[in-house]
Amino acid sequence: MRGDGRLFIVAADHPARGALGVGSDPMAMADRYDLLQRLALALSRPGVDGVLGTPDIIDDLALLGVLDDKIAVGSMNRGGLRGAVFEMDDRYTGYDVDAMVRDGVDAAKLLLRVNLDDVGTARTLEATASAVTAAARERLPILLEPFLSRWNDGTIVNDLTPDAVIQSVAIASGLGASSAYTWLKLPVVPEMERVMAATTLPTLLLGGDSEAAPEETFASWESALALPGVHGLVVGRTLLYPKDGDVGQAVDIAASLVHGR
């Protein structure tokens, strides 16, 4: 972090979990060349600080030369494939801490879905704690993206009520042998003041795949960005695949919300 101490990261780690859909198009992210073009455009815009991706994405962007002077955030656990019976057993199949230190990746990110009715959660919690400990040992910042989740007709649904998000924050914050390098990556939900009062960890806001009108989405981000402890945005599909098709404009609006340009 530099300058104003805020971060705007574009996210592109969804495909490795088999999640290719955006809105009503289930295969929107399937064309890798199109995705890379959208990412390269986003990274070229002022105020975009970096990208979140799996090794295949980060490697491609590095080869293209678009990561020069940008932050690279490595995605770690992609084993809980969307729609799989083992989705809650979210194994660490992407980056590990050793690889990120070796390659000079700037930060790590993991997804932590806690399902109290699924035994796969226990293994995921244990692996997540080990990842946090390993990252702290190497002084590698690590972003935890926690949710309380449940099965609903064979699909995992995240509970986005304020109380559920607060509970997920409490669970995630205590994982690992040290929280010295732990950040949070949280959804924007109602009563964000209460959510942010539940943690002293630095936090980035996630965008998700919202069906709301763009104006509503941007307004909700702007309000949450003003809260203490919030240091920026990590957004992917909403900006890379905007409803009007104008990636540059969507990215510029988000960058202005983060950096005030």
C-alpha atoms as a PDB file:
ATOM      1  CA  MET A   1       0.000   0.000   0.000  1.00  0.00           C
ATOM      2  CA  ARG A   2       1.226   3.464  -0.801  1.00  0.00           C
ATOM      3  CA  GLY A   3      -0.037   6.970  -1.281  1.00  0.00           C
ATOM      4  CA  ASP A   4      -3.514   7.123   0.218  1.00  0.00           C
ATOM      5  CA  GLY A   5      -3.198   3.725   1.926  1.00  0.00           C
ATOM      6  CA  ARG A   6      -6.109   2.225  -0.025  1.00  0.00           C
ATOM      7  CA  LEU A   7      -6.274  -0.683  -2.443  1.00  0.00           C
ATOM      8  CA  PHE A   8      -8.323  -1.495  -5.513  1.00  0.00           C
ATOM      9  CA  ILE A   9      -7.808  -5.091  -6.664  1.00  0.00           C
ATOM     10  CA  VAL A  10      -9.530  -6.750  -9.642  1.00  0.00           C
ATOM     11  CA  ALA A  11     -10.531 -10.355  -8.916  1.00  0.00           C
ATOM     12  CA  ALA A  12     -10.307 -13.191 -11.436  1.00  0.00           C
ATOM     13  CA  ASP A  13      -9.999 -16.425  -9.478  1.00  0.00           C
ATOM     14  CA  HIS A  14     -13.528 -17.720 -10.144  1.00  0.00           C
ATOM     15  CA  PRO A  15     -12.863 -20.010 -13.159  1.00  0.00           C
ATOM     16  CA  ALA A  16     -10.567 -22.374 -11.238  1.00  0.00           C
ATOM     17  CA  ARG A  17     -13.514 -23.334  -9.013  1.00  0.00           C
ATOM     18  CA  GLY A  18     -15.666 -24.069 -12.048  1.00  0.00           C
ATOM     19  CA  ALA A  19     -17.604 -20.822 -11.535  1.00  0.00           C
ATOM     20  CA  LEU A  20     -17.757 -19.373 -15.053  1.00  0.00           C
ATOM     21  CA  GLY A  21     -21.125 -17.658 -14.900  1.00  0.00           C
ATOM     22  CA  VAL A  22     -21.942 -13.975 -14.679  1.00  0.00           C
ATOM     23  CA  GLY A  23     -25.563 -12.957 -14.284  1.00  0.00           C
ATOM     24  CA  SER A  24     -27.737 -15.025 -16.617  1.00  0.00           C
ATOM     25  CA  ASP A  25     -24.817 -16.267 -18.743  1.00  0.00           C
ATOM     26  CA  PRO A  26     -23.433 -19.514 -17.251  1.00  0.00           C
ATOM     27  CA  MET A  27     -20.332 -19.476 -19.501  1.00  0.00           C
ATOM     28  CA  ALA A  28     -19.466 -15.769 -19.508  1.00  0.00           C
ATOM     29  CA  MET A  29     -15.910 -16.329 -18.297  1.00  0.00           C
ATOM     30  CA  ALA A  30     -15.203 -19.401 -20.429  1.00  0.00           C
ATOM     31  CA  ASP A  31     -13.222 -17.608 -23.157  1.00  0.00           C
ATOM     32  CA  ARG A  32      -9.767 -17.195 -21.607  1.00  0.00           C
ATOM     33  CA  TYR A  33      -8.537 -14.796 -24.292  1.00  0.00           C
ATOM     34  CA  ASP A  34     -11.547 -12.536 -23.738  1.00  0.00           C
ATOM     35  CA  LEU A  35     -11.026 -12.672 -19.963  1.00  0.00           C
ATOM     36  CA  LEU A  36      -7.348 -11.754 -20.305  1.00  0.00           C
ATOM     37  CA  GLN A  37      -8.241  -8.820 -22.569  1.00  0.00           C
ATOM     38  CA  ARG A  38     -10.719  -7.552 -19.986  1.00  0.00           C
ATOM     39  CA  LEU A  39      -8.157  -7.939 -17.208  1.00  0.00           C
ATOM     40  CA  ALA A  40      -5.436  -6.193 -19.211  1.00  0.00           C
ATOM     41  CA  LEU A  41      -7.815  -3.300 -19.870  1.00  0.00           C
ATOM     42  CA  ALA A  42      -8.766  -3.076 -16.204  1.00  0.00           C
ATOM     43  CA  LEU A  43      -5.123  -3.146 -15.087  1.00  0.00           C
ATOM     44  CA  SER A  44      -4.297  -0.334 -17.518  1.00  0.00           C
ATOM     45  CA  ARG A  45      -6.760   2.062 -15.886  1.00  0.00           C
ATOM     46  CA  PRO A  46      -5.540   4.649 -13.331  1.00  0.00           C
ATOM     47  CA  GLY A  47      -6.228   3.674  -9.741  1.00  0.00           C
ATOM     48  CA  VAL A  48      -6.195  -0.106 -10.266  1.00  0.00           C
ATOM     49  CA  ASP A  49      -3.564  -1.411  -7.858  1.00  0.00           C
ATOM     50  CA  GLY A  50      -3.462  -5.085  -8.806  1.00  0.00           C
ATOM     51  CA  VAL A  51      -5.170  -8.389  -9.462  1.00  0.00           C
ATOM     52  CA  LEU A  52      -6.319 -11.470  -7.555  1.00  0.00           C
ATOM     53  CA  GLY A  53      -5.966 -14.750  -9.403  1.00  0.00           C
ATOM     54  CA  THR A  54      -4.913 -18.384  -9.493  1.00  0.00           C
ATOM     55  CA  PRO A  55      -1.450 -19.267 -10.836  1.00  0.00           C
ATOM     56  CA  ASP A  56      -2.670 -19.739 -14.409  1.00  0.00           C
ATOM     57  CA  ILE A  57      -4.147 -16.224 -14.479  1.00  0.00           C
ATOM     58  CA  ILE A  58      -1.190 -14.589 -12.731  1.00  0.00           C
ATOM     59  CA  ASP A  59       1.289 -16.363 -15.034  1.00  0.00           C
ATOM     60  CA  ASP A  60      -0.545 -15.244 -18.183  1.00  0.00           C
ATOM     61  CA  LEU A  61      -0.773 -11.643 -17.006  1.00  0.00           C
ATOM     62  CA  ALA A  62       2.900 -11.628 -16.032  1.00  0.00           C
ATOM     63  CA  LEU A  63       3.869 -12.965 -19.477  1.00  0.00           C
ATOM     64  CA  LEU A  64       1.783 -10.203 -21.054  1.00  0.00           C
ATOM     65  CA  GLY A  65       3.699  -7.617 -19.023  1.00  0.00           C
ATOM     66  CA  VAL A  66       0.605  -6.068 -17.474  1.00  0.00           C
ATOM     67  CA  LEU A  67       1.618  -6.803 -13.859  1.00  0.00           C
ATOM     68  CA  ASP A  68       4.578  -4.429 -13.871  1.00  0.00           C
ATOM     69  CA  ASP A  69       4.279  -2.229 -10.764  1.00  0.00           C
ATOM     70  CA  LYS A  70       1.035  -3.977  -9.795  1.00  0.00           C
ATOM     71  CA  ILE A  71       0.095  -6.010  -6.733  1.00  0.00           C
ATOM     72  CA  ALA A  72      -0.423  -9.744  -7.334  1.00  0.00           C
ATOM     73  CA  VAL A  73      -2.683 -11.590  -4.872  1.00  0.00           C
ATOM     74  CA  GLY A  74      -2.573 -15.385  -5.087  1.00  0.00           C
ATOM     75  CA  SER A  75      -5.725 -17.476  -4.646  1.00  0.00           C
ATOM     76  CA  MET A  76      -5.126 -20.604  -2.551  1.00  0.00           C
ATOM     77  CA  ASN A  77      -8.139 -22.905  -2.128  1.00  0.00           C
ATOM     78  CA  ARG A  78     -10.145 -23.741  -5.246  1.00  0.00           C
ATOM     79  CA  GLY A  79     -10.924 -27.392  -4.481  1.00  0.00           C
ATOM     80  CA  GLY A  80     -14.529 -26.839  -3.398  1.00  0.00           C
ATOM     81  CA  LEU A  81     -15.834 -26.945  -6.939  1.00  0.00           C
ATOM     82  CA  ARG A  82     -19.169 -25.274  -7.550  1.00  0.00           C
ATOM     83  CA  GLY A  83     -22.002 -27.795  -7.472  1.00  0.00           C
ATOM     84  CA  ALA A  84     -19.838 -30.703  -6.264  1.00  0.00           C
ATOM     85  CA  VAL A  85     -20.989 -32.959  -3.424  1.00  0.00           C
ATOM     86  CA  PHE A  86     -17.628 -32.164  -1.803  1.00  0.00           C
ATOM     87  CA  GLU A  87     -17.960 -28.391  -2.250  1.00  0.00           C
ATOM     88  CA  MET A  88     -17.587 -27.681   1.462  1.00  0.00           C
ATOM     89  CA  ASP A  89     -14.310 -29.644   1.586  1.00  0.00           C
ATOM     90  CA  ASP A  90     -12.523 -26.674   0.053  1.00  0.00           C
ATOM     91  CA  ARG A  91      -9.047 -28.085  -0.513  1.00  0.00           C
ATOM     92  CA  TYR A  92      -5.993 -25.965  -1.179  1.00  0.00           C
ATOM     93  CA  THR A  93      -5.326 -26.650  -4.845  1.00  0.00           C
ATOM     94  CA  GLY A  94      -3.937 -23.299  -6.027  1.00  0.00           C
ATOM     95  CA  TYR A  95      -1.054 -21.291  -4.627  1.00  0.00           C
ATOM     96  CA  ASP A  96       0.663 -22.261  -1.401  1.00  0.00           C
ATOM     97  CA  VAL A  97       2.710 -19.919   0.773  1.00  0.00           C
ATOM     98  CA  ASP A  98       6.084 -21.311  -0.345  1.00  0.00           C
ATOM     99  CA  ALA A  99       5.242 -20.761  -4.022  1.00  0.00           C
ATOM    100  CA  MET A 100       4.037 -17.213  -3.414  1.00  0.00           C
ATOM    101  CA  VAL A 101       7.199 -16.311  -1.501  1.00  0.00           C
ATOM    102  CA  ARG A 102       9.326 -17.907  -4.246  1.00  0.00           C
ATOM    103  CA  ASP A 103       7.553 -16.042  -7.061  1.00  0.00           C
ATOM    104  CA  GLY A 104       7.261 -12.693  -5.302  1.00  0.00           C
ATOM    105  CA  VAL A 105       3.464 -12.736  -5.072  1.00  0.00           C
ATOM    106  CA  ASP A 106       2.504  -9.854  -2.775  1.00  0.00           C
ATOM    107  CA  ALA A 107      -0.389 -11.331  -0.793  1.00  0.00           C
ATOM    108  CA  ALA A 108      -2.508 -14.459  -0.400  1.00  0.00           C
ATOM    109  CA  LYS A 109      -6.260 -14.967  -0.429  1.00  0.00           C
ATOM    110  CA  LEU A 110      -8.452 -17.812   0.741  1.00  0.00           C
ATOM    111  CA  LEU A 111     -12.169 -18.553   0.849  1.00  0.00           C
ATOM    112  CA  LEU A 112     -13.646 -19.813   4.112  1.00  0.00           C
ATOM    113  CA  ARG A 113     -17.217 -21.060   3.925  1.00  0.00           C
ATOM    114  CA  VAL A 114     -18.437 -22.404   7.278  1.00  0.00           C
ATOM    115  CA  ASN A 115     -21.331 -24.850   7.054  1.00  0.00           C
ATOM    116  CA  LEU A 116     -22.369 -26.162  10.457  1.00  0.00           C
ATOM    117  CA  ASP A 117     -24.242 -29.051   8.818  1.00  0.00           C
ATOM    118  CA  ASP A 118     -21.342 -30.328   6.695  1.00  0.00           C
ATOM    119  CA  VAL A 119     -18.353 -32.229   8.088  1.00  0.00           C
ATOM    120  CA  GLY A 120     -16.175 -30.954   5.233  1.00  0.00           C
ATOM    121  CA  THR A 121     -16.025 -27.622   7.053  1.00  0.00           C
ATOM    122  CA  ALA A 122     -13.776 -29.058   9.779  1.00  0.00           C
ATOM    123  CA  ARG A 123     -11.068 -30.022   7.287  1.00  0.00           C
ATOM    124  CA  THR A 124     -11.324 -26.632   5.599  1.00  0.00           C
ATOM    125  CA  LEU A 125     -11.002 -24.819   8.939  1.00  0.00           C
ATOM    126  CA  GLU A 126      -7.900 -26.811   9.839  1.00  0.00           C
ATOM    127  CA  ALA A 127      -6.260 -26.220   6.468  1.00  0.00           C
ATOM    128  CA  THR A 128      -7.131 -22.531   6.632  1.00  0.00           C
ATOM    129  CA  ALA A 129      -5.549 -22.168  10.068  1.00  0.00           C
ATOM    130  CA  SER A 130      -2.383 -23.804   8.735  1.00  0.00           C
ATOM    131  CA  ALA A 131      -2.338 -21.398   5.771  1.00  0.00           C
ATOM    132  CA  VAL A 132      -2.698 -18.367   8.055  1.00  0.00           C
ATOM    133  CA  THR A 133       0.123 -19.623  10.283  1.00  0.00           C
ATOM    134  CA  ALA A 134       2.398 -20.253   7.292  1.00  0.00           C
ATOM    135  CA  ALA A 135       1.672 -16.816   5.833  1.00  0.00           C
ATOM    136  CA  ALA A 136       2.398 -15.070   9.133  1.00  0.00           C
ATOM    137  CA  ARG A 137       5.671 -16.979   9.426  1.00  0.00           C
ATOM    138  CA  GLU A 138       6.723 -15.564   6.038  1.00  0.00           C
ATOM    139  CA  ARG A 139       5.221 -12.123   6.781  1.00  0.00           C
ATOM    140  CA  LEU A 140       2.932 -12.546   3.798  1.00  0.00           C
ATOM    141  CA  PRO A 141      -0.359 -10.616   4.029  1.00  0.00           C
ATOM    142  CA  ILE A 142      -3.301 -13.001   3.726  1.00  0.00           C
ATOM    143  CA  LEU A 143      -6.925 -12.097   2.945  1.00  0.00           C
ATOM    144  CA  LEU A 144      -9.629 -14.282   4.479  1.00  0.00           C
ATOM    145  CA  GLU A 145     -13.049 -14.281   2.787  1.00  0.00           C
ATOM    146  CA  PRO A 146     -15.445 -15.837   5.329  1.00  0.00           C
ATOM    147  CA  PHE A 147     -19.103 -16.809   5.003  1.00  0.00           C
ATOM    148  CA  LEU A 148     -21.645 -18.781   6.963  1.00  0.00           C
ATOM    149  CA  SER A 149     -23.075 -21.140   4.341  1.00  0.00           C
ATOM    150  CA  ARG A 150     -25.736 -23.832   4.022  1.00  0.00           C
ATOM    151  CA  TRP A 151     -26.987 -26.385   1.538  1.00  0.00           C
ATOM    152  CA  ASN A 152     -30.174 -25.453  -0.330  1.00  0.00           C
ATOM    153  CA  ASP A 153     -31.429 -28.043  -2.854  1.00  0.00           C
ATOM    154  CA  GLY A 154     -27.914 -29.152  -3.699  1.00  0.00           C
ATOM    155  CA  THR A 155     -26.501 -25.619  -3.894  1.00  0.00           C
ATOM    156  CA  ILE A 156     -24.343 -23.765  -1.393  1.00  0.00           C
ATOM    157  CA  VAL A 157     -25.943 -20.485  -0.305  1.00  0.00           C
ATOM    158  CA  ASN A 158     -24.071 -17.860   1.698  1.00  0.00           C
ATOM    159  CA  ASP A 159     -25.971 -16.167   4.532  1.00  0.00           C
ATOM    160  CA  LEU A 160     -25.573 -12.423   3.986  1.00  0.00           C
ATOM    161  CA  THR A 161     -27.509 -11.223   7.013  1.00  0.00           C
ATOM    162  CA  PRO A 162     -25.478  -8.904   9.249  1.00  0.00           C
ATOM    163  CA  ASP A 163     -25.464 -11.342  12.184  1.00  0.00           C
ATOM    164  CA  ALA A 164     -24.188 -14.178   9.976  1.00  0.00           C
ATOM    165  CA  VAL A 165     -21.402 -12.045   8.517  1.00  0.00           C
ATOM    166  CA  ILE A 166     -20.413 -10.925  12.025  1.00  0.00           C
ATOM    167  CA  GLN A 167     -20.258 -14.549  13.168  1.00  0.00           C
ATOM    168  CA  SER A 168     -18.144 -15.515  10.155  1.00  0.00           C
ATOM    169  CA  VAL A 169     -15.755 -12.653  10.961  1.00  0.00           C
ATOM    170  CA  ALA A 170     -15.348 -13.899  14.532  1.00  0.00           C
ATOM    171  CA  ILE A 171     -14.567 -17.444  13.346  1.00  0.00           C
ATOM    172  CA  ALA A 172     -12.103 -16.369  10.652  1.00  0.00           C
ATOM    173  CA  SER A 173     -10.274 -13.859  12.840  1.00  0.00           C
ATOM    174  CA  GLY A 174      -9.226 -16.526  15.343  1.00  0.00           C
ATOM    175  CA  LEU A 175      -7.661 -18.933  12.845  1.00  0.00           C
ATOM    176  CA  GLY A 176      -3.927 -19.554  12.799  1.00  0.00           C
ATOM    177  CA  ALA A 177      -1.108 -18.985  15.264  1.00  0.00           C
ATOM    178  CA  SER A 178      -0.958 -15.239  14.526  1.00  0.00           C
ATOM    179  CA  SER A 179      -3.297 -12.596  13.124  1.00  0.00           C
ATOM    180  CA  ALA A 180      -0.444 -10.143  12.500  1.00  0.00           C
ATOM    181  CA  TYR A 181      -0.722 -10.453   8.702  1.00  0.00           C
ATOM    182  CA  THR A 182      -4.426 -11.289   8.412  1.00  0.00           C
ATOM    183  CA  TRP A 183      -6.821  -9.126   6.419  1.00  0.00           C
ATOM    184  CA  LEU A 184     -10.526  -9.707   5.779  1.00  0.00           C
ATOM    185  CA  LYS A 185     -12.415  -9.648   2.488  1.00  0.00           C
ATOM    186  CA  LEU A 186     -16.069  -9.053   3.273  1.00  0.00           C
ATOM    187  CA  PRO A 187     -19.358  -8.605   1.397  1.00  0.00           C
ATOM    188  CA  VAL A 188     -21.252  -5.336   1.588  1.00  0.00           C
ATOM    189  CA  VAL A 189     -24.399  -6.090   3.573  1.00  0.00           C
ATOM    190  CA  PRO A 190     -26.947  -4.058   5.546  1.00  0.00           C
ATOM    191  CA  GLU A 191     -25.704  -2.635   8.845  1.00  0.00           C
ATOM    192  CA  MET A 192     -22.069  -2.575   7.737  1.00  0.00           C
ATOM    193  CA  GLU A 193     -21.290  -0.382  10.753  1.00  0.00           C
ATOM    194  CA  ARG A 194     -22.054  -3.359  13.009  1.00  0.00           C
ATOM    195  CA  VAL A 195     -20.041  -5.690  10.811  1.00  0.00           C
ATOM    196  CA  MET A 196     -16.954  -3.480  10.900  1.00  0.00           C
ATOM    197  CA  ALA A 197     -17.312  -3.024  14.653  1.00  0.00           C
ATOM    198  CA  ALA A 198     -16.781  -6.788  14.957  1.00  0.00           C
ATOM    199  CA  THR A 199     -13.141  -6.688  13.852  1.00  0.00           C
ATOM    200  CA  THR A 200      -9.915  -4.734  14.211  1.00  0.00           C
ATOM    201  CA  LEU A 201      -8.431  -6.426  11.129  1.00  0.00           C
ATOM    202  CA  PRO A 202      -7.937  -4.334   7.976  1.00  0.00           C
ATOM    203  CA  THR A 203     -10.706  -5.085   5.508  1.00  0.00           C
ATOM    204  CA  LEU A 204     -11.314  -4.980   1.770  1.00  0.00           C
ATOM    205  CA  LEU A 205     -14.834  -5.160   0.345  1.00  0.00           C
ATOM    206  CA  LEU A 206     -15.838  -7.765  -2.225  1.00  0.00           C
ATOM    207  CA  GLY A 207     -18.180  -7.092  -5.099  1.00  0.00           C
ATOM    208  CA  GLY A 208     -19.754 -10.444  -5.957  1.00  0.00           C
ATOM    209  CA  ASP A 209     -22.073 -10.998  -8.919  1.00  0.00           C
ATOM    210  CA  SER A 210     -24.861  -8.553  -8.176  1.00  0.00           C
ATOM    211  CA  GLU A 211     -28.146  -8.295 -10.062  1.00  0.00           C
ATOM    212  CA  ALA A 212     -28.716  -4.828  -8.642  1.00  0.00           C
ATOM    213  CA  ALA A 213     -28.560  -1.756 -10.855  1.00  0.00           C
ATOM    214  CA  PRO A 214     -24.988  -0.451 -11.202  1.00  0.00           C
ATOM    215  CA  GLU A 215     -25.925   2.820  -9.519  1.00  0.00           C
ATOM    216  CA  GLU A 216     -27.170   0.945  -6.453  1.00  0.00           C
ATOM    217  CA  THR A 217     -24.061  -1.228  -6.310  1.00  0.00           C
ATOM    218  CA  PHE A 218     -21.676   1.734  -6.557  1.00  0.00           C
ATOM    219  CA  ALA A 219     -23.643   3.647  -3.922  1.00  0.00           C
ATOM    220  CA  SER A 220     -23.437   0.717  -1.476  1.00  0.00           C
ATOM    221  CA  TRP A 221     -19.672   0.459  -2.031  1.00  0.00           C
ATOM    222  CA  GLU A 222     -19.198   4.190  -1.522  1.00  0.00           C
ATOM    223  CA  SER A 223     -21.049   4.115   1.785  1.00  0.00           C
ATOM    224  CA  ALA A 224     -19.116   1.102   3.093  1.00  0.00           C
ATOM    225  CA  LEU A 225     -15.753   2.515   1.981  1.00  0.00           C
ATOM    226  CA  ALA A 226     -16.263   5.432   4.370  1.00  0.00           C
ATOM    227  CA  LEU A 227     -16.258   3.141   7.434  1.00  0.00           C
ATOM    228  CA  PRO A 228     -13.235   2.822   9.737  1.00  0.00           C
ATOM    229  CA  GLY A 229     -11.156  -0.264   8.978  1.00  0.00           C
ATOM    230  CA  VAL A 230     -12.209  -0.477   5.314  1.00  0.00           C
ATOM    231  CA  HIS A 231      -9.219   0.009   3.032  1.00  0.00           C
ATOM    232  CA  GLY A 232     -10.569  -0.671  -0.455  1.00  0.00           C
ATOM    233  CA  LEU A 233     -12.244  -3.022  -2.910  1.00  0.00           C
ATOM    234  CA  VAL A 234     -11.635  -6.455  -4.419  1.00  0.00           C
ATOM    235  CA  VAL A 235     -14.109  -6.751  -7.294  1.00  0.00           C
ATOM    236  CA  GLY A 236     -14.223  -9.022 -10.317  1.00  0.00           C
ATOM    237  CA  ARG A 237     -17.262 -10.000 -12.358  1.00  0.00           C
ATOM    238  CA  THR A 238     -19.264  -6.844 -11.648  1.00  0.00           C
ATOM    239  CA  LEU A 239     -16.556  -4.739 -13.307  1.00  0.00           C
ATOM    240  CA  LEU A 240     -15.118  -7.175 -15.846  1.00  0.00           C
ATOM    241  CA  TYR A 241     -18.558  -8.030 -17.257  1.00  0.00           C
ATOM    242  CA  PRO A 242     -20.718  -4.925 -16.698  1.00  0.00           C
ATOM    243  CA  LYS A 243     -24.234  -4.941 -18.053  1.00  0.00           C
ATOM    244  CA  ASP A 244     -23.474  -2.172 -20.557  1.00  0.00           C
ATOM    245  CA  GLY A 245     -20.237  -3.849 -21.697  1.00  0.00           C
ATOM    246  CA  ASP A 246     -18.033  -0.845 -20.874  1.00  0.00           C
ATOM    247  CA  VAL A 247     -15.274  -2.363 -18.730  1.00  0.00           C
ATOM    248  CA  GLY A 248     -13.163   0.794 -18.689  1.00  0.00           C
ATOM    249  CA  GLN A 249     -15.961   3.002 -17.409  1.00  0.00           C
ATOM    250  CA  ALA A 250     -17.006   0.528 -14.702  1.00  0.00           C
ATOM    251  CA  VAL A 251     -13.410   0.183 -13.502  1.00  0.00           C
ATOM    252  CA  ASP A 252     -12.896   3.955 -13.520  1.00  0.00           C
ATOM    253  CA  ILE A 253     -15.980   4.522 -11.367  1.00  0.00           C
ATOM    254  CA  ALA A 254     -14.839   1.934  -8.831  1.00  0.00           C
ATOM    255  CA  ALA A 255     -11.311   3.393  -8.791  1.00  0.00           C
ATOM    256  CA  SER A 256     -12.720   6.842  -8.066  1.00  0.00           C
ATOM    257  CA  LEU A 257     -14.684   5.441  -5.126  1.00  0.00           C
ATOM    258  CA  VAL A 258     -11.527   3.898  -3.648  1.00  0.00           C
ATOM    259  CA  HIS A 259      -8.964   6.571  -4.386  1.00  0.00           C
ATOM    260  CA  GLY A 260     -11.164   9.651  -4.780  1.00  0.00           C
ATOM    261  CA  ARG A 261      -9.889  10.522  -8.242  1.00  0.00           C
END
